[in-house]
Amino acid sequence: MISVEALPWWAAIPVALLLVLGGLITLIGATGLARLQSFYQRIHGPAIAVTLGAGCILIASMVYFTVTQSRLVIHELLISVFVLMTAPVVAMLIMRAAYYRDQRESRNEPGDQTIP
């Protein structure tokens, strides 16, 4: 196993910056999830920010393992493609399901005489 001291400074700086940036972006997305009021506002924080934060962390991992193993490591590209393809689609489907649920509940309010 390679120690952290073996990582050259020219690789350690971008890895550290990408990790800090990815962590901050993920933290901002999680804070948005906790602080925003409605469901529709809350879904945007994790859907957008966490995807970008995960991308920064995966790029940092790719740079670190490429430098320490002295060969191109691109396994993280597969993870990135999977996250970038699935996260927005899942967020859209969750929002669409909530919208349809809200529409159905508004049609079935008490005092409404229409039968769907």
N, C-alpha and C. Protein backbone atom coordinates (compact mmCIF):
# COMPACT_ATOMS: atom_id res chain seq x y z
N MET A 1 0.85 -1.18 0.00
CA MET A 1 0.00 0.00 0.00
C MET A 1 0.89 1.24 0.00
N ILE A 2 0.53 2.21 -0.81
CA ILE A 2 1.32 3.43 -0.95
C ILE A 2 0.87 4.43 0.10
N SER A 3 1.82 5.06 0.75
CA SER A 3 1.48 6.04 1.78
C SER A 3 1.14 7.39 1.14
N VAL A 4 0.53 8.25 1.92
CA VAL A 4 0.13 9.56 1.44
C VAL A 4 1.35 10.41 1.11
N GLU A 5 2.45 10.18 1.81
CA GLU A 5 3.66 10.95 1.56
C GLU A 5 4.23 10.70 0.17
N ALA A 6 3.89 9.57 -0.45
CA ALA A 6 4.42 9.24 -1.77
C ALA A 6 3.74 10.03 -2.89
N LEU A 7 2.66 10.71 -2.59
CA LEU A 7 1.94 11.47 -3.61
C LEU A 7 2.69 12.78 -3.86
N PRO A 8 3.09 13.05 -5.10
CA PRO A 8 3.81 14.29 -5.39
C PRO A 8 2.93 15.52 -5.16
N TRP A 9 3.57 16.64 -4.90
CA TRP A 9 2.83 17.87 -4.58
C TRP A 9 1.96 18.33 -5.73
N TRP A 10 2.41 18.12 -6.99
CA TRP A 10 1.65 18.57 -8.14
C TRP A 10 0.36 17.77 -8.31
N ALA A 11 0.29 16.59 -7.72
CA ALA A 11 -0.94 15.81 -7.74
C ALA A 11 -1.74 15.99 -6.45
N ALA A 12 -1.05 16.23 -5.35
CA ALA A 12 -1.73 16.37 -4.06
C ALA A 12 -2.59 17.63 -4.01
N ILE A 13 -2.13 18.71 -4.64
CA ILE A 13 -2.88 19.97 -4.60
C ILE A 13 -4.22 19.85 -5.33
N PRO A 14 -4.25 19.36 -6.59
CA PRO A 14 -5.57 19.22 -7.24
C PRO A 14 -6.47 18.21 -6.54
N VAL A 15 -5.89 17.12 -6.03
CA VAL A 15 -6.70 16.13 -5.33
C VAL A 15 -7.33 16.75 -4.09
N ALA A 16 -6.53 17.48 -3.32
CA ALA A 16 -7.05 18.12 -2.11
C ALA A 16 -8.11 19.16 -2.45
N LEU A 17 -7.86 19.97 -3.47
CA LEU A 17 -8.84 20.99 -3.86
C LEU A 17 -10.15 20.37 -4.35
N LEU A 18 -10.04 19.32 -5.15
CA LEU A 18 -11.25 18.66 -5.64
C LEU A 18 -12.04 17.99 -4.51
N LEU A 19 -11.32 17.40 -3.54
CA LEU A 19 -12.01 16.79 -2.41
C LEU A 19 -12.72 17.83 -1.55
N VAL A 20 -12.05 18.94 -1.28
CA VAL A 20 -12.67 20.00 -0.49
C VAL A 20 -13.86 20.60 -1.25
N LEU A 21 -13.69 20.87 -2.53
CA LEU A 21 -14.77 21.43 -3.34
C LEU A 21 -15.95 20.47 -3.41
N GLY A 22 -15.68 19.20 -3.64
CA GLY A 22 -16.75 18.21 -3.68
C GLY A 22 -17.47 18.08 -2.36
N GLY A 23 -16.72 18.11 -1.26
CA GLY A 23 -17.35 18.06 0.06
C GLY A 23 -18.19 19.28 0.35
N LEU A 24 -17.71 20.46 -0.03
CA LEU A 24 -18.49 21.69 0.19
C LEU A 24 -19.77 21.71 -0.64
N ILE A 25 -19.67 21.29 -1.89
CA ILE A 25 -20.86 21.26 -2.75
C ILE A 25 -21.88 20.26 -2.21
N THR A 26 -21.41 19.11 -1.77
CA THR A 26 -22.31 18.11 -1.19
C THR A 26 -22.94 18.63 0.09
N LEU A 27 -22.17 19.32 0.90
CA LEU A 27 -22.70 19.91 2.14
C LEU A 27 -23.76 20.97 1.84
N ILE A 28 -23.53 21.78 0.82
CA ILE A 28 -24.52 22.78 0.43
C ILE A 28 -25.83 22.11 -0.02
N GLY A 29 -25.71 21.03 -0.79
CA GLY A 29 -26.89 20.29 -1.22
C GLY A 29 -27.65 19.68 -0.04
N ALA A 30 -26.91 19.13 0.92
CA ALA A 30 -27.55 18.55 2.10
C ALA A 30 -28.20 19.63 2.97
N THR A 31 -27.56 20.79 3.05
CA THR A 31 -28.14 21.90 3.81
C THR A 31 -29.43 22.37 3.15
N GLY A 32 -29.44 22.44 1.83
CA GLY A 32 -30.66 22.80 1.11
C GLY A 32 -31.78 21.80 1.37
N LEU A 33 -31.44 20.54 1.47
CA LEU A 33 -32.43 19.51 1.76
C LEU A 33 -33.03 19.73 3.15
N ALA A 34 -32.22 20.14 4.09
CA ALA A 34 -32.69 20.31 5.46
C ALA A 34 -33.42 21.64 5.68
N ARG A 35 -33.06 22.69 4.97
CA ARG A 35 -33.57 24.02 5.29
C ARG A 35 -34.74 24.50 4.45
N LEU A 36 -34.88 24.02 3.24
CA LEU A 36 -35.96 24.52 2.40
C LEU A 36 -37.31 23.96 2.85
N GLN A 37 -38.40 24.70 2.55
CA GLN A 37 -39.69 24.39 3.14
C GLN A 37 -40.46 23.30 2.39
N SER A 38 -40.71 23.48 1.13
CA SER A 38 -41.59 22.55 0.42
C SER A 38 -40.79 21.43 -0.24
N PHE A 39 -41.51 20.38 -0.57
CA PHE A 39 -40.87 19.24 -1.23
C PHE A 39 -40.23 19.64 -2.55
N TYR A 40 -40.91 20.47 -3.31
CA TYR A 40 -40.42 20.86 -4.64
C TYR A 40 -39.16 21.70 -4.54
N GLN A 41 -39.02 22.48 -3.49
CA GLN A 41 -37.78 23.23 -3.28
C GLN A 41 -36.67 22.31 -2.78
N ARG A 42 -37.01 21.38 -1.89
CA ARG A 42 -36.02 20.49 -1.30
C ARG A 42 -35.38 19.53 -2.30
N ILE A 43 -36.08 19.15 -3.33
CA ILE A 43 -35.56 18.14 -4.26
C ILE A 43 -34.41 18.69 -5.11
N HIS A 44 -34.35 20.01 -5.31
CA HIS A 44 -33.32 20.58 -6.18
C HIS A 44 -31.93 20.56 -5.56
N GLY A 45 -31.82 20.74 -4.25
CA GLY A 45 -30.51 20.74 -3.61
C GLY A 45 -29.74 19.46 -3.83
N PRO A 46 -30.30 18.33 -3.43
CA PRO A 46 -29.58 17.07 -3.66
C PRO A 46 -29.47 16.69 -5.13
N ALA A 47 -30.48 16.97 -5.91
CA ALA A 47 -30.46 16.53 -7.31
C ALA A 47 -29.35 17.21 -8.10
N ILE A 48 -29.12 18.47 -7.85
CA ILE A 48 -28.14 19.20 -8.65
C ILE A 48 -26.77 19.25 -7.96
N ALA A 49 -26.76 19.70 -6.71
CA ALA A 49 -25.49 19.93 -6.03
C ALA A 49 -24.75 18.65 -5.69
N VAL A 50 -25.46 17.63 -5.26
CA VAL A 50 -24.79 16.40 -4.88
C VAL A 50 -24.18 15.71 -6.09
N THR A 51 -24.83 15.83 -7.24
CA THR A 51 -24.27 15.24 -8.46
C THR A 51 -22.93 15.91 -8.81
N LEU A 52 -22.87 17.23 -8.71
CA LEU A 52 -21.63 17.94 -8.97
C LEU A 52 -20.57 17.62 -7.92
N GLY A 53 -20.98 17.53 -6.66
CA GLY A 53 -20.04 17.18 -5.59
C GLY A 53 -19.47 15.79 -5.77
N ALA A 54 -20.31 14.84 -6.13
CA ALA A 54 -19.83 13.48 -6.38
C ALA A 54 -18.87 13.45 -7.57
N GLY A 55 -19.14 14.27 -8.59
CA GLY A 55 -18.23 14.35 -9.74
C GLY A 55 -16.85 14.84 -9.34
N CYS A 56 -16.79 15.86 -8.48
CA CYS A 56 -15.49 16.37 -8.02
C CYS A 56 -14.74 15.31 -7.23
N ILE A 57 -15.44 14.60 -6.37
CA ILE A 57 -14.80 13.55 -5.56
C ILE A 57 -14.31 12.41 -6.45
N LEU A 58 -15.08 12.04 -7.46
CA LEU A 58 -14.66 10.97 -8.36
C LEU A 58 -13.46 11.38 -9.21
N ILE A 59 -13.40 12.63 -9.63
CA ILE A 59 -12.24 13.10 -10.39
C ILE A 59 -11.00 13.10 -9.50
N ALA A 60 -11.15 13.51 -8.24
CA ALA A 60 -10.02 13.48 -7.30
C ALA A 60 -9.54 12.05 -7.10
N SER A 61 -10.46 11.11 -7.00
CA SER A 61 -10.08 9.70 -6.86
C SER A 61 -9.35 9.20 -8.10
N MET A 62 -9.83 9.61 -9.27
CA MET A 62 -9.19 9.19 -10.51
C MET A 62 -7.76 9.72 -10.61
N VAL A 63 -7.55 10.99 -10.25
CA VAL A 63 -6.20 11.57 -10.29
C VAL A 63 -5.29 10.89 -9.27
N TYR A 64 -5.80 10.67 -8.06
CA TYR A 64 -4.99 10.05 -7.01
C TYR A 64 -4.51 8.66 -7.42
N PHE A 65 -5.44 7.81 -7.86
CA PHE A 65 -5.06 6.44 -8.19
C PHE A 65 -4.26 6.35 -9.49
N THR A 66 -4.46 7.27 -10.41
CA THR A 66 -3.64 7.30 -11.63
C THR A 66 -2.19 7.62 -11.28
N VAL A 67 -1.98 8.58 -10.38
CA VAL A 67 -0.62 8.97 -9.99
C VAL A 67 0.04 7.89 -9.15
N THR A 68 -0.68 7.34 -8.17
CA THR A 68 -0.05 6.36 -7.26
C THR A 68 0.20 5.02 -7.92
N GLN A 69 -0.60 4.64 -8.90
CA GLN A 69 -0.41 3.35 -9.56
C GLN A 69 0.36 3.45 -10.86
N SER A 70 0.73 4.66 -11.26
CA SER A 70 1.52 4.90 -12.49
C SER A 70 0.88 4.32 -13.74
N ARG A 71 -0.43 4.33 -13.78
CA ARG A 71 -1.18 3.92 -14.96
C ARG A 71 -2.51 4.62 -14.94
N LEU A 72 -3.15 4.71 -16.07
CA LEU A 72 -4.43 5.39 -16.18
C LEU A 72 -5.52 4.57 -15.52
N VAL A 73 -6.19 5.15 -14.53
CA VAL A 73 -7.29 4.50 -13.82
C VAL A 73 -8.57 5.24 -14.17
N ILE A 74 -9.46 4.55 -14.85
CA ILE A 74 -10.68 5.22 -15.32
C ILE A 74 -11.96 4.53 -14.83
N HIS A 75 -11.86 3.72 -13.78
CA HIS A 75 -13.05 3.06 -13.26
C HIS A 75 -14.09 4.09 -12.79
N GLU A 76 -13.59 5.22 -12.29
CA GLU A 76 -14.47 6.25 -11.79
C GLU A 76 -15.31 6.89 -12.90
N LEU A 77 -14.85 6.79 -14.14
CA LEU A 77 -15.64 7.32 -15.25
C LEU A 77 -16.96 6.57 -15.39
N LEU A 78 -16.92 5.26 -15.18
CA LEU A 78 -18.15 4.48 -15.23
C LEU A 78 -19.11 4.90 -14.13
N ILE A 79 -18.58 5.13 -12.94
CA ILE A 79 -19.42 5.58 -11.83
C ILE A 79 -20.00 6.95 -12.15
N SER A 80 -19.17 7.84 -12.69
CA SER A 80 -19.63 9.20 -13.03
C SER A 80 -20.74 9.16 -14.07
N VAL A 81 -20.58 8.35 -15.09
CA VAL A 81 -21.60 8.24 -16.13
C VAL A 81 -22.90 7.72 -15.53
N PHE A 82 -22.79 6.72 -14.67
CA PHE A 82 -23.99 6.16 -14.04
C PHE A 82 -24.69 7.20 -13.18
N VAL A 83 -23.93 7.95 -12.36
CA VAL A 83 -24.52 8.97 -11.49
C VAL A 83 -25.13 10.09 -12.31
N LEU A 84 -24.41 10.56 -13.33
CA LEU A 84 -24.91 11.66 -14.14
C LEU A 84 -26.14 11.28 -14.98
N MET A 85 -26.27 10.00 -15.30
CA MET A 85 -27.42 9.57 -16.08
C MET A 85 -28.63 9.27 -15.20
N THR A 86 -28.41 8.76 -14.00
CA THR A 86 -29.54 8.31 -13.19
C THR A 86 -30.07 9.37 -12.23
N ALA A 87 -29.22 10.20 -11.66
CA ALA A 87 -29.67 11.16 -10.64
C ALA A 87 -30.70 12.15 -11.17
N PRO A 88 -30.50 12.79 -12.32
CA PRO A 88 -31.54 13.71 -12.80
C PRO A 88 -32.84 13.00 -13.18
N VAL A 89 -32.73 11.81 -13.72
CA VAL A 89 -33.93 11.07 -14.11
C VAL A 89 -34.74 10.67 -12.88
N VAL A 90 -34.05 10.20 -11.86
CA VAL A 90 -34.74 9.82 -10.63
C VAL A 90 -35.38 11.04 -9.98
N ALA A 91 -34.68 12.17 -9.94
CA ALA A 91 -35.25 13.39 -9.36
C ALA A 91 -36.49 13.82 -10.14
N MET A 92 -36.43 13.75 -11.46
CA MET A 92 -37.58 14.14 -12.28
C MET A 92 -38.77 13.21 -12.02
N LEU A 93 -38.53 11.91 -11.92
CA LEU A 93 -39.62 10.98 -11.67
C LEU A 93 -40.23 11.18 -10.29
N ILE A 94 -39.41 11.47 -9.30
CA ILE A 94 -39.93 11.73 -7.95
C ILE A 94 -40.77 13.00 -7.95
N MET A 95 -40.28 14.05 -8.63
CA MET A 95 -41.06 15.29 -8.69
C MET A 95 -42.38 15.09 -9.45
N ARG A 96 -42.34 14.34 -10.51
CA ARG A 96 -43.56 14.09 -11.29
C ARG A 96 -44.57 13.28 -10.47
N ALA A 97 -44.11 12.30 -9.72
CA ALA A 97 -45.01 11.52 -8.87
C ALA A 97 -45.63 12.40 -7.79
N ALA A 98 -44.85 13.30 -7.19
CA ALA A 98 -45.39 14.20 -6.18
C ALA A 98 -46.40 15.17 -6.79
N TYR A 99 -46.13 15.65 -7.98
CA TYR A 99 -47.06 16.56 -8.65
C TYR A 99 -48.39 15.87 -8.93
N TYR A 100 -48.35 14.63 -9.44
CA TYR A 100 -49.59 13.91 -9.71
C TYR A 100 -50.34 13.60 -8.42
N ARG A 101 -49.62 13.28 -7.34
CA ARG A 101 -50.25 13.04 -6.05
C ARG A 101 -50.95 14.30 -5.56
N ASP A 102 -50.28 15.45 -5.68
CA ASP A 102 -50.89 16.71 -5.26
C ASP A 102 -52.11 17.05 -6.10
N GLN A 103 -52.07 16.79 -7.39
CA GLN A 103 -53.21 17.06 -8.26
C GLN A 103 -54.40 16.17 -7.89
N ARG A 104 -54.15 14.93 -7.59
CA ARG A 104 -55.22 14.01 -7.22
C ARG A 104 -55.84 14.40 -5.88
N GLU A 105 -54.99 14.82 -4.92
CA GLU A 105 -55.52 15.25 -3.62
C GLU A 105 -56.34 16.52 -3.75
N SER A 106 -55.94 17.44 -4.63
CA SER A 106 -56.70 18.68 -4.78
C SER A 106 -58.05 18.43 -5.44
N ARG A 107 -58.17 17.40 -6.25
CA ARG A 107 -59.46 17.06 -6.87
C ARG A 107 -60.39 16.39 -5.88
N ASN A 108 -59.85 15.74 -4.87
CA ASN A 108 -60.67 14.99 -3.91
C ASN A 108 -60.81 15.72 -2.58
N GLU A 109 -60.81 17.05 -2.58
CA GLU A 109 -60.96 17.82 -1.35
C GLU A 109 -62.38 17.66 -0.81
N PRO A 110 -62.53 17.76 0.52
CA PRO A 110 -63.89 17.67 1.10
C PRO A 110 -64.76 18.82 0.58
N GLY A 111 -66.01 18.53 0.32
CA GLY A 111 -66.94 19.52 -0.21
C GLY A 111 -66.99 19.50 -1.71
N ASP A 112 -66.11 18.76 -2.35
CA ASP A 112 -66.11 18.64 -3.81
C ASP A 112 -67.11 17.56 -4.19
N GLN A 113 -68.09 17.89 -4.99
CA GLN A 113 -69.16 16.98 -5.35
C GLN A 113 -68.87 16.18 -6.62
N THR A 114 -67.75 16.45 -7.28
CA THR A 114 -67.46 15.72 -8.51
C THR A 114 -66.88 14.37 -8.18
N ILE A 115 -67.24 13.40 -8.96
CA ILE A 115 -66.72 12.05 -8.79
C ILE A 115 -65.75 11.79 -9.93
N PRO A 116 -64.50 11.51 -9.60
CA PRO A 116 -63.51 11.31 -10.68
C PRO A 116 -63.70 10.01 -11.42
